[in-house]
Protein backbone atom coordinates (compact mmCIF):
# COMPACT_ATOMS: atom_id res chain seq x y z
CA UNK A 1 -0.24 1.78 14.53
CA UNK A 2 3.11 1.73 12.46
CA UNK A 3 3.82 4.09 10.94
CA UNK A 4 6.25 5.94 8.34
CA UNK A 5 7.75 9.16 8.80
CA UNK A 6 4.80 10.31 6.27
CA UNK A 7 2.06 9.47 8.50
CA UNK A 8 1.11 6.44 6.47
CA UNK A 9 1.18 3.11 7.62
CA UNK A 10 4.25 0.77 7.10
CA UNK A 11 5.28 -3.06 6.66
CA UNK A 12 4.64 -4.23 10.20
CA UNK A 13 0.83 -2.94 10.01
CA UNK A 14 0.56 -4.99 6.69
CA UNK A 15 1.45 -7.85 8.73
CA UNK A 16 -0.83 -7.86 11.11
CA UNK A 17 -4.21 -7.26 8.86
CA UNK A 18 -6.08 -10.55 8.20
CA UNK A 19 -5.17 -12.67 5.21
CA UNK A 20 -8.06 -12.68 3.93
CA UNK A 21 -8.73 -8.72 3.83
CA UNK A 22 -8.78 -6.55 0.77
CA UNK A 23 -6.51 -3.59 -0.16
CA UNK A 24 -5.78 -1.66 -3.40
CA UNK A 25 -2.44 -2.12 -5.05
CA UNK A 26 -2.15 1.82 -5.82
CA UNK A 27 1.93 2.74 -7.44
CA UNK A 28 4.99 1.52 -6.84
CA UNK A 29 8.04 3.44 -7.02
CA UNK A 30 12.06 2.63 -7.82
CA UNK A 31 12.80 4.98 -4.85
CA UNK A 32 11.91 5.71 -1.29
CA UNK A 33 12.08 9.45 -1.69
CA UNK A 34 9.42 8.90 -4.49
CA UNK A 35 7.15 7.02 -2.55
CA UNK A 36 7.33 9.25 0.65
CA UNK A 37 6.69 12.47 -1.82
CA UNK A 38 3.93 10.73 -2.88
CA UNK A 39 2.41 10.41 0.28
CA UNK A 40 3.17 13.31 1.56
CA UNK A 41 0.72 14.74 -0.84
CA UNK A 42 -2.15 12.43 0.53
CA UNK A 43 -4.70 14.46 2.84
CA UNK A 44 -5.10 11.35 4.92
CA UNK A 45 -1.82 9.59 5.08
CA UNK A 46 -3.06 6.83 7.24
CA UNK A 47 -5.64 5.63 4.81
CA UNK A 48 -2.02 4.87 2.75
CA UNK A 49 0.46 2.16 3.88
CA UNK A 50 4.24 1.60 2.37
CA UNK A 51 6.43 -1.48 1.91
CA UNK A 52 9.47 -2.79 -0.08
CA UNK A 53 9.01 -5.40 -2.57
CA UNK A 54 12.07 -7.48 -4.32
CA UNK A 55 11.22 -8.01 -7.72
CA UNK A 56 13.67 -9.38 -10.54
CA UNK A 57 16.48 -8.24 -8.16
CA UNK A 58 15.52 -4.85 -7.99
CA UNK A 59 13.61 -3.24 -4.96
CA UNK A 60 10.52 -1.57 -5.21
CA UNK A 61 8.55 0.67 -2.35
CA UNK A 62 4.85 -0.20 -3.19
CA UNK A 63 1.66 1.96 -1.56
CA UNK A 64 -1.54 0.35 -1.23
CA UNK A 65 -4.68 2.03 0.06
CA UNK A 66 -7.04 0.68 2.58
CA UNK A 67 -8.31 -1.98 4.43
CA UNK A 68 -11.56 -3.67 2.96
CA UNK A 69 -13.36 -6.63 4.35
CA UNK A 70 -14.51 -7.62 0.82
CA UNK A 71 -13.55 -7.74 -2.35
CA UNK A 72 -17.10 -5.66 -3.35
CA UNK A 73 -15.97 -3.10 -0.57
CA UNK A 74 -12.45 -2.71 -2.23
CA UNK A 75 -13.99 -2.52 -5.48
CA UNK A 76 -16.35 0.36 -4.55
CA UNK A 77 -13.90 2.28 -2.90
CA UNK A 78 -11.42 2.02 -5.95
CA UNK A 79 -14.28 4.25 -7.84
CA UNK A 80 -14.29 6.63 -5.52
CA UNK A 81 -10.33 6.96 -4.81
CA UNK A 82 -9.06 10.71 -3.26
CA UNK A 83 -8.27 13.24 -6.40
CA UNK A 84 -4.69 13.12 -4.76
CA UNK A 85 -4.20 9.61 -5.79
CA UNK A 86 -3.88 10.68 -9.34
CA UNK A 87 -4.64 8.36 -12.44
CA UNK A 88 -4.28 4.90 -11.42
CA UNK A 89 -6.04 1.84 -11.69
CA UNK A 90 -5.65 -0.11 -8.59
CA UNK A 91 -5.24 -3.88 -7.99
CA UNK A 92 -7.58 -4.92 -5.57
CA UNK A 93 -5.53 -7.81 -3.45
CA UNK A 94 -5.63 -9.56 -0.55
CA UNK A 95 -3.67 -8.60 2.61
CA UNK A 96 -2.27 -12.36 2.44
CA UNK A 97 -0.59 -11.93 -1.49
CA UNK A 98 0.72 -8.41 0.03
CA UNK A 99 2.18 -10.21 3.17
CA UNK A 100 4.13 -12.70 1.01
CA UNK A 101 5.80 -10.01 -0.74
CA UNK A 102 6.33 -8.38 2.55
CA UNK A 103 8.48 -11.17 3.96
CA UNK A 104 10.70 -11.45 1.01
CA UNK A 105 12.28 -8.23 1.05
CA UNK A 106 13.97 -6.31 3.79
CA UNK A 107 11.72 -3.71 5.18
CA UNK A 108 13.52 -0.79 6.86
């Protein structure tokens, strides 16, 4: 498993996932430090992954949660996220969508 210093998974892990599997995009941060702080607050950081995304000339540090085989399973998980995630509105995405973004930004 490829992991970040926080114990969360990294872009290499994201690129290894089946393009038709699902994940929950939770939050994005303008700095890696803020993303890492968020991940350190999670009791099970290996359930999360972080990657860089380039949008409008800016680099964002995006946090996703889990790997699900169906949209229904992802939707169910989105209703029972750990309290430590905070008040977020998860965005159900395929790994294929996320992988496109990962490939457009240099990863650390």
